[in-house]
Amino acid sequence: MISTETLYTIAIWAVPVLLAITLHEAAHGWMANRLGDPTARVLGRISLNPIRHIDPIGTIVLPLALLMLSGFVIGWAKPVPVDMRYFKKPLLDMAVVALAGPASNFLMACGWAILALIGKLMYTPGDGFTLYMMKVGDAGIMINLILMVLNLLPVPPLDGGRVVAGVLPPRIAVPFMKIEPYGMFVVIFLLVSGILGKIIWPMVLFFKAFIKMIF
């Protein structure tokens, strides 16, 4: 039986995680459409409705299991299809599309920071609702910054890998992108070995301090 404390933790993290993962993908589709590729728009993948982007395993099962087992939350949504043949400058435009995802996470982190600030300004001792607002806001900041920093790692198929490919000369970018099928194995190795945390946490904490300084 799930404890009350676990249910409260899920209630804090559920919406921030769902929005962070799904709107990240919607941002990719929106930018691709702006650059001439209508694929995501035609398939209804530029919607702000999270249901259109949910991957049952990556968006629900894995984040929930990680939250209950370790307190560390990560996941993914259904990838937005992008057809580079529509782009005038395929590699460069794909890099811009890739950056749209992490950029959306940064903007969402700022939005959650505003919610946390409102909760803090309204808080009075014993007020459970404003305390909940602050905790949800802090969760929203963390999950979005984790996804932003993780996705900016220069490893295909992460967004950072596509950005690197976009700025490299084509003769180097093409062979670089050929490591994409093996990229997730690299990420998994870094995660299991503990190296990934050492890479991303300092950057996550830096951006968290930066956002809290602003708001």
C-alpha atoms as a PDB file:
ATOM      1  CA  MET A   1       0.000   0.000   0.000  1.00  0.00           C
ATOM      2  CA  ILE A   2       1.326   3.447  -0.945  1.00  0.00           C
ATOM      3  CA  SER A   3       1.936   5.674   2.068  1.00  0.00           C
ATOM      4  CA  THR A   4       0.457   9.144   2.480  1.00  0.00           C
ATOM      5  CA  GLU A   5       3.953  10.630   2.276  1.00  0.00           C
ATOM      6  CA  THR A   6       4.575   8.919  -1.069  1.00  0.00           C
ATOM      7  CA  LEU A   7       1.246  10.142  -2.436  1.00  0.00           C
ATOM      8  CA  TYR A   8       2.120  13.691  -1.352  1.00  0.00           C
ATOM      9  CA  THR A   9       5.498  13.423  -3.079  1.00  0.00           C
ATOM     10  CA  ILE A  10       3.792  12.207  -6.264  1.00  0.00           C
ATOM     11  CA  ALA A  11       1.310  15.086  -6.019  1.00  0.00           C
ATOM     12  CA  ILE A  12       4.227  17.530  -5.872  1.00  0.00           C
ATOM     13  CA  TRP A  13       6.178  16.096  -8.803  1.00  0.00           C
ATOM     14  CA  ALA A  14       3.477  14.771 -11.158  1.00  0.00           C
ATOM     15  CA  VAL A  15       2.506  17.959 -12.998  1.00  0.00           C
ATOM     16  CA  PRO A  16       6.026  19.470 -13.219  1.00  0.00           C
ATOM     17  CA  VAL A  17       7.459  16.218 -14.611  1.00  0.00           C
ATOM     18  CA  LEU A  18       4.609  15.731 -17.074  1.00  0.00           C
ATOM     19  CA  LEU A  19       4.854  19.276 -18.422  1.00  0.00           C
ATOM     20  CA  ALA A  20       8.668  19.342 -18.483  1.00  0.00           C
ATOM     21  CA  ILE A  21       8.875  16.180 -20.583  1.00  0.00           C
ATOM     22  CA  THR A  22       5.950  16.725 -22.945  1.00  0.00           C
ATOM     23  CA  LEU A  23       6.280  20.455 -23.640  1.00  0.00           C
ATOM     24  CA  HIS A  24       9.961  19.888 -24.389  1.00  0.00           C
ATOM     25  CA  GLU A  25       8.860  17.778 -27.357  1.00  0.00           C
ATOM     26  CA  ALA A  26       6.140  20.252 -28.357  1.00  0.00           C
ATOM     27  CA  ALA A  27       8.814  22.959 -28.516  1.00  0.00           C
ATOM     28  CA  HIS A  28      10.802  20.878 -30.985  1.00  0.00           C
ATOM     29  CA  GLY A  29       7.712  20.537 -33.180  1.00  0.00           C
ATOM     30  CA  TRP A  30       6.867  24.237 -32.950  1.00  0.00           C
ATOM     31  CA  MET A  31      10.363  25.288 -34.015  1.00  0.00           C
ATOM     32  CA  ALA A  32      10.454  22.733 -36.833  1.00  0.00           C
ATOM     33  CA  ASN A  33       7.176  24.129 -38.137  1.00  0.00           C
ATOM     34  CA  ARG A  34       8.587  27.668 -37.982  1.00  0.00           C
ATOM     35  CA  LEU A  35      11.522  26.525 -40.089  1.00  0.00           C
ATOM     36  CA  GLY A  36       9.314  24.942 -42.739  1.00  0.00           C
ATOM     37  CA  ASP A  37       8.692  21.366 -41.588  1.00  0.00           C
ATOM     38  CA  PRO A  38       4.936  20.828 -41.024  1.00  0.00           C
ATOM     39  CA  THR A  39       5.273  17.171 -39.976  1.00  0.00           C
ATOM     40  CA  ALA A  40       4.716  17.695 -36.243  1.00  0.00           C
ATOM     41  CA  ARG A  41       1.894  20.177 -36.844  1.00  0.00           C
ATOM     42  CA  VAL A  42       0.068  17.807 -39.199  1.00  0.00           C
ATOM     43  CA  LEU A  43       0.351  15.029 -36.615  1.00  0.00           C
ATOM     44  CA  GLY A  44      -0.946  17.280 -33.830  1.00  0.00           C
ATOM     45  CA  ARG A  45       2.361  17.265 -31.958  1.00  0.00           C
ATOM     46  CA  ILE A  46       2.618  21.034 -31.402  1.00  0.00           C
ATOM     47  CA  SER A  47      -0.262  20.822 -28.952  1.00  0.00           C
ATOM     48  CA  LEU A  48       0.125  21.905 -25.321  1.00  0.00           C
ATOM     49  CA  ASN A  49      -2.023  18.895 -24.416  1.00  0.00           C
ATOM     50  CA  PRO A  50       0.396  16.491 -22.665  1.00  0.00           C
ATOM     51  CA  ILE A  51      -1.695  13.492 -23.698  1.00  0.00           C
ATOM     52  CA  ARG A  52      -0.508  13.901 -27.290  1.00  0.00           C
ATOM     53  CA  HIS A  53       3.117  13.506 -26.216  1.00  0.00           C
ATOM     54  CA  ILE A  54       2.955  10.872 -23.473  1.00  0.00           C
ATOM     55  CA  ASP A  55       5.059   7.740 -23.760  1.00  0.00           C
ATOM     56  CA  PRO A  56       3.593   5.254 -21.242  1.00  0.00           C
ATOM     57  CA  ILE A  57       7.001   4.014 -20.108  1.00  0.00           C
ATOM     58  CA  GLY A  58       9.141   7.137 -20.382  1.00  0.00           C
ATOM     59  CA  THR A  59       6.562   9.684 -19.192  1.00  0.00           C
ATOM     60  CA  ILE A  60       4.700   7.730 -16.509  1.00  0.00           C
ATOM     61  CA  VAL A  61       6.177   4.389 -15.416  1.00  0.00           C
ATOM     62  CA  LEU A  62       9.888   5.286 -15.286  1.00  0.00           C
ATOM     63  CA  PRO A  63       9.561   8.702 -13.568  1.00  0.00           C
ATOM     64  CA  LEU A  64       7.123   7.250 -11.021  1.00  0.00           C
ATOM     65  CA  ALA A  65       9.375   4.278 -10.286  1.00  0.00           C
ATOM     66  CA  LEU A  66      12.479   6.473  -9.959  1.00  0.00           C
ATOM     67  CA  LEU A  67      10.649   8.915  -7.711  1.00  0.00           C
ATOM     68  CA  MET A  68       9.522   6.149  -5.346  1.00  0.00           C
ATOM     69  CA  LEU A  69      12.853   4.297  -5.350  1.00  0.00           C
ATOM     70  CA  SER A  70      15.462   7.041  -5.397  1.00  0.00           C
ATOM     71  CA  GLY A  71      13.883  10.491  -5.429  1.00  0.00           C
ATOM     72  CA  PHE A  72      15.698  11.190  -8.717  1.00  0.00           C
ATOM     73  CA  VAL A  73      13.293  11.814 -11.587  1.00  0.00           C
ATOM     74  CA  ILE A  74      13.974  11.571 -15.305  1.00  0.00           C
ATOM     75  CA  GLY A  75      12.002  10.446 -18.321  1.00  0.00           C
ATOM     76  CA  TRP A  76      11.047  11.102 -21.916  1.00  0.00           C
ATOM     77  CA  ALA A  77       8.043  11.679 -24.161  1.00  0.00           C
ATOM     78  CA  LYS A  78       7.331  10.385 -27.655  1.00  0.00           C
ATOM     79  CA  PRO A  79       9.935  11.999 -29.942  1.00  0.00           C
ATOM     80  CA  VAL A  80       8.531  14.598 -32.314  1.00  0.00           C
ATOM     81  CA  PRO A  81       9.099  13.554 -35.943  1.00  0.00           C
ATOM     82  CA  VAL A  82      11.223  16.022 -37.900  1.00  0.00           C
ATOM     83  CA  ASP A  83      11.825  15.821 -41.648  1.00  0.00           C
ATOM     84  CA  MET A  84      15.074  17.625 -42.463  1.00  0.00           C
ATOM     85  CA  ARG A  85      14.226  17.666 -46.184  1.00  0.00           C
ATOM     86  CA  TYR A  86      11.988  20.688 -45.523  1.00  0.00           C
ATOM     87  CA  PHE A  87      14.850  22.747 -44.099  1.00  0.00           C
ATOM     88  CA  LYS A  88      16.853  25.210 -46.181  1.00  0.00           C
ATOM     89  CA  LYS A  89      19.969  24.494 -44.118  1.00  0.00           C
ATOM     90  CA  PRO A  90      19.320  20.972 -42.788  1.00  0.00           C
ATOM     91  CA  LEU A  91      22.091  20.630 -40.193  1.00  0.00           C
ATOM     92  CA  LEU A  92      21.908  24.206 -38.905  1.00  0.00           C
ATOM     93  CA  ASP A  93      18.095  24.258 -38.813  1.00  0.00           C
ATOM     94  CA  MET A  94      18.089  20.912 -37.019  1.00  0.00           C
ATOM     95  CA  ALA A  95      20.398  22.432 -34.410  1.00  0.00           C
ATOM     96  CA  VAL A  96      17.903  25.260 -33.869  1.00  0.00           C
ATOM     97  CA  VAL A  97      15.074  22.732 -33.537  1.00  0.00           C
ATOM     98  CA  ALA A  98      17.156  20.799 -31.005  1.00  0.00           C
ATOM     99  CA  LEU A  99      17.838  23.941 -28.928  1.00  0.00           C
ATOM    100  CA  ALA A 100      14.115  24.680 -28.706  1.00  0.00           C
ATOM    101  CA  GLY A 101      13.606  21.787 -26.275  1.00  0.00           C
ATOM    102  CA  PRO A 102      16.146  22.858 -23.628  1.00  0.00           C
ATOM    103  CA  ALA A 103      15.077  26.490 -24.118  1.00  0.00           C
ATOM    104  CA  SER A 104      11.495  25.513 -23.277  1.00  0.00           C
ATOM    105  CA  ASN A 105      12.735  23.795 -20.115  1.00  0.00           C
ATOM    106  CA  PHE A 106      14.554  26.948 -19.030  1.00  0.00           C
ATOM    107  CA  LEU A 107      11.427  29.045 -19.596  1.00  0.00           C
ATOM    108  CA  MET A 108       9.326  26.527 -17.672  1.00  0.00           C
ATOM    109  CA  ALA A 109      11.846  26.604 -14.819  1.00  0.00           C
ATOM    110  CA  CYS A 110      11.382  30.385 -14.699  1.00  0.00           C
ATOM    111  CA  GLY A 111       7.610  29.929 -14.670  1.00  0.00           C
ATOM    112  CA  TRP A 112       7.790  27.512 -11.754  1.00  0.00           C
ATOM    113  CA  ALA A 113      10.112  29.931  -9.946  1.00  0.00           C
ATOM    114  CA  ILE A 114       7.405  32.592 -10.212  1.00  0.00           C
ATOM    115  CA  LEU A 115       4.883  30.153  -8.699  1.00  0.00           C
ATOM    116  CA  ALA A 116       7.276  29.384  -5.846  1.00  0.00           C
ATOM    117  CA  LEU A 117       7.815  33.113  -5.283  1.00  0.00           C
ATOM    118  CA  ILE A 118       4.068  33.768  -5.128  1.00  0.00           C
ATOM    119  CA  GLY A 119       3.706  30.947  -2.620  1.00  0.00           C
ATOM    120  CA  LYS A 120       6.537  32.373  -0.530  1.00  0.00           C
ATOM    121  CA  LEU A 121       5.036  35.876  -0.539  1.00  0.00           C
ATOM    122  CA  MET A 122       1.611  34.547   0.449  1.00  0.00           C
ATOM    123  CA  TYR A 123       2.851  32.015   3.001  1.00  0.00           C
ATOM    124  CA  THR A 124       1.785  32.147   6.620  1.00  0.00           C
ATOM    125  CA  PRO A 125       2.684  29.495   9.219  1.00  0.00           C
ATOM    126  CA  GLY A 126       0.337  26.548   8.966  1.00  0.00           C
ATOM    127  CA  ASP A 127      -0.838  27.381   5.438  1.00  0.00           C
ATOM    128  CA  GLY A 128      -0.567  24.055   3.651  1.00  0.00           C
ATOM    129  CA  PHE A 129      -1.641  25.344   0.231  1.00  0.00           C
ATOM    130  CA  THR A 130       1.065  28.001  -0.164  1.00  0.00           C
ATOM    131  CA  LEU A 131       3.627  25.530   1.212  1.00  0.00           C
ATOM    132  CA  TYR A 132       2.490  23.117  -1.489  1.00  0.00           C
ATOM    133  CA  MET A 133       2.885  25.883  -4.095  1.00  0.00           C
ATOM    134  CA  MET A 134       6.480  26.429  -3.020  1.00  0.00           C
ATOM    135  CA  LYS A 135       7.289  22.721  -3.126  1.00  0.00           C
ATOM    136  CA  VAL A 136       5.684  22.254  -6.551  1.00  0.00           C
ATOM    137  CA  GLY A 137       7.515  25.328  -7.813  1.00  0.00           C
ATOM    138  CA  ASP A 138      10.849  24.002  -6.551  1.00  0.00           C
ATOM    139  CA  ALA A 139      10.147  20.594  -8.117  1.00  0.00           C
ATOM    140  CA  GLY A 140       9.328  22.319 -11.405  1.00  0.00           C
ATOM    141  CA  ILE A 141      12.599  24.232 -11.315  1.00  0.00           C
ATOM    142  CA  MET A 142      14.635  21.098 -10.635  1.00  0.00           C
ATOM    143  CA  ILE A 143      13.100  18.737 -13.197  1.00  0.00           C
ATOM    144  CA  ASN A 144      13.298  21.335 -15.949  1.00  0.00           C
ATOM    145  CA  LEU A 145      16.908  22.229 -15.210  1.00  0.00           C
ATOM    146  CA  ILE A 146      17.877  18.557 -15.052  1.00  0.00           C
ATOM    147  CA  LEU A 147      16.261  17.912 -18.442  1.00  0.00           C
ATOM    148  CA  MET A 148      17.782  21.067 -19.911  1.00  0.00           C
ATOM    149  CA  VAL A 149      21.344  20.288 -18.826  1.00  0.00           C
ATOM    150  CA  LEU A 150      21.065  16.582 -19.633  1.00  0.00           C
ATOM    151  CA  ASN A 151      19.766  17.244 -23.122  1.00  0.00           C
ATOM    152  CA  LEU A 152      22.530  19.760 -23.829  1.00  0.00           C
ATOM    153  CA  LEU A 153      25.231  17.100 -23.443  1.00  0.00           C
ATOM    154  CA  PRO A 154      27.036  16.857 -26.811  1.00  0.00           C
ATOM    155  CA  VAL A 155      26.069  13.229 -27.390  1.00  0.00           C
ATOM    156  CA  PRO A 156      23.712  12.200 -30.216  1.00  0.00           C
ATOM    157  CA  PRO A 157      20.753  11.624 -30.043  1.00  0.00           C
ATOM    158  CA  LEU A 158      20.521  14.196 -27.215  1.00  0.00           C
ATOM    159  CA  ASP A 159      19.759  17.754 -28.291  1.00  0.00           C
ATOM    160  CA  GLY A 160      23.318  18.844 -27.581  1.00  0.00           C
ATOM    161  CA  GLY A 161      24.604  16.302 -30.073  1.00  0.00           C
ATOM    162  CA  ARG A 162      22.364  17.741 -32.787  1.00  0.00           C
ATOM    163  CA  VAL A 163      23.548  21.246 -31.928  1.00  0.00           C
ATOM    164  CA  VAL A 164      27.169  20.163 -32.294  1.00  0.00           C
ATOM    165  CA  ALA A 165      26.359  18.557 -35.645  1.00  0.00           C
ATOM    166  CA  GLY A 166      24.734  21.797 -36.771  1.00  0.00           C
ATOM    167  CA  VAL A 167      27.836  23.896 -36.197  1.00  0.00           C
ATOM    168  CA  LEU A 168      30.404  21.384 -37.461  1.00  0.00           C
ATOM    169  CA  PRO A 169      31.451  21.319 -41.122  1.00  0.00           C
ATOM    170  CA  PRO A 170      29.271  18.795 -43.012  1.00  0.00           C
ATOM    171  CA  ARG A 171      32.241  16.500 -43.696  1.00  0.00           C
ATOM    172  CA  ILE A 172      32.653  16.107 -39.915  1.00  0.00           C
ATOM    173  CA  ALA A 173      28.998  16.427 -38.870  1.00  0.00           C
ATOM    174  CA  VAL A 174      27.784  13.496 -40.991  1.00  0.00           C
ATOM    175  CA  PRO A 175      30.154  10.892 -39.475  1.00  0.00           C
ATOM    176  CA  PHE A 176      29.588  12.440 -36.031  1.00  0.00           C
ATOM    177  CA  MET A 177      25.835  11.799 -36.286  1.00  0.00           C
ATOM    178  CA  LYS A 178      26.500   8.166 -37.187  1.00  0.00           C
ATOM    179  CA  ILE A 179      27.237   7.480 -33.513  1.00  0.00           C
ATOM    180  CA  GLU A 180      23.584   8.311 -32.695  1.00  0.00           C
ATOM    181  CA  PRO A 181      22.458   4.639 -32.425  1.00  0.00           C
ATOM    182  CA  TYR A 182      25.060   4.142 -29.680  1.00  0.00           C
ATOM    183  CA  GLY A 183      24.615   7.475 -27.913  1.00  0.00           C
ATOM    184  CA  MET A 184      22.110   6.283 -25.320  1.00  0.00           C
ATOM    185  CA  PHE A 185      24.467   3.470 -24.328  1.00  0.00           C
ATOM    186  CA  VAL A 186      27.051   6.162 -23.594  1.00  0.00           C
ATOM    187  CA  VAL A 187      24.527   8.070 -21.474  1.00  0.00           C
ATOM    188  CA  ILE A 188      23.498   4.900 -19.600  1.00  0.00           C
ATOM    189  CA  PHE A 189      27.160   4.089 -18.912  1.00  0.00           C
ATOM    190  CA  LEU A 190      27.745   7.606 -17.577  1.00  0.00           C
ATOM    191  CA  LEU A 191      24.629   7.274 -15.376  1.00  0.00           C
ATOM    192  CA  VAL A 192      25.500   3.864 -13.944  1.00  0.00           C
ATOM    193  CA  SER A 193      29.131   4.817 -13.352  1.00  0.00           C
ATOM    194  CA  GLY A 194      28.161   7.978 -11.492  1.00  0.00           C
ATOM    195  CA  ILE A 195      30.003  10.191 -13.963  1.00  0.00           C
ATOM    196  CA  LEU A 196      26.784  11.682 -15.316  1.00  0.00           C
ATOM    197  CA  GLY A 197      25.824  13.151 -11.958  1.00  0.00           C
ATOM    198  CA  LYS A 198      29.247  14.729 -11.570  1.00  0.00           C
ATOM    199  CA  ILE A 199      28.851  16.322 -14.987  1.00  0.00           C
ATOM    200  CA  ILE A 200      25.320  17.684 -14.783  1.00  0.00           C
ATOM    201  CA  TRP A 201      24.774  18.529 -11.091  1.00  0.00           C
ATOM    202  CA  PRO A 202      27.194  21.470 -10.907  1.00  0.00           C
ATOM    203  CA  MET A 203      25.481  22.997 -13.957  1.00  0.00           C
ATOM    204  CA  VAL A 204      21.987  22.277 -12.588  1.00  0.00           C
ATOM    205  CA  LEU A 205      22.867  23.958  -9.289  1.00  0.00           C
ATOM    206  CA  PHE A 206      24.424  26.910 -11.138  1.00  0.00           C
ATOM    207  CA  PHE A 207      21.260  27.540 -13.152  1.00  0.00           C
ATOM    208  CA  LYS A 208      19.084  27.008 -10.081  1.00  0.00           C
ATOM    209  CA  ALA A 209      21.053  29.671  -8.197  1.00  0.00           C
ATOM    210  CA  PHE A 210      20.811  31.958 -11.239  1.00  0.00           C
ATOM    211  CA  ILE A 211      17.002  31.581 -11.443  1.00  0.00           C
ATOM    212  CA  LYS A 212      16.558  32.095  -7.701  1.00  0.00           C
ATOM    213  CA  MET A 213      18.716  35.219  -7.905  1.00  0.00           C
ATOM    214  CA  ILE A 214      16.385  36.613 -10.590  1.00  0.00           C
ATOM    215  CA  PHE A 215      13.115  35.712  -8.891  1.00  0.00           C
END
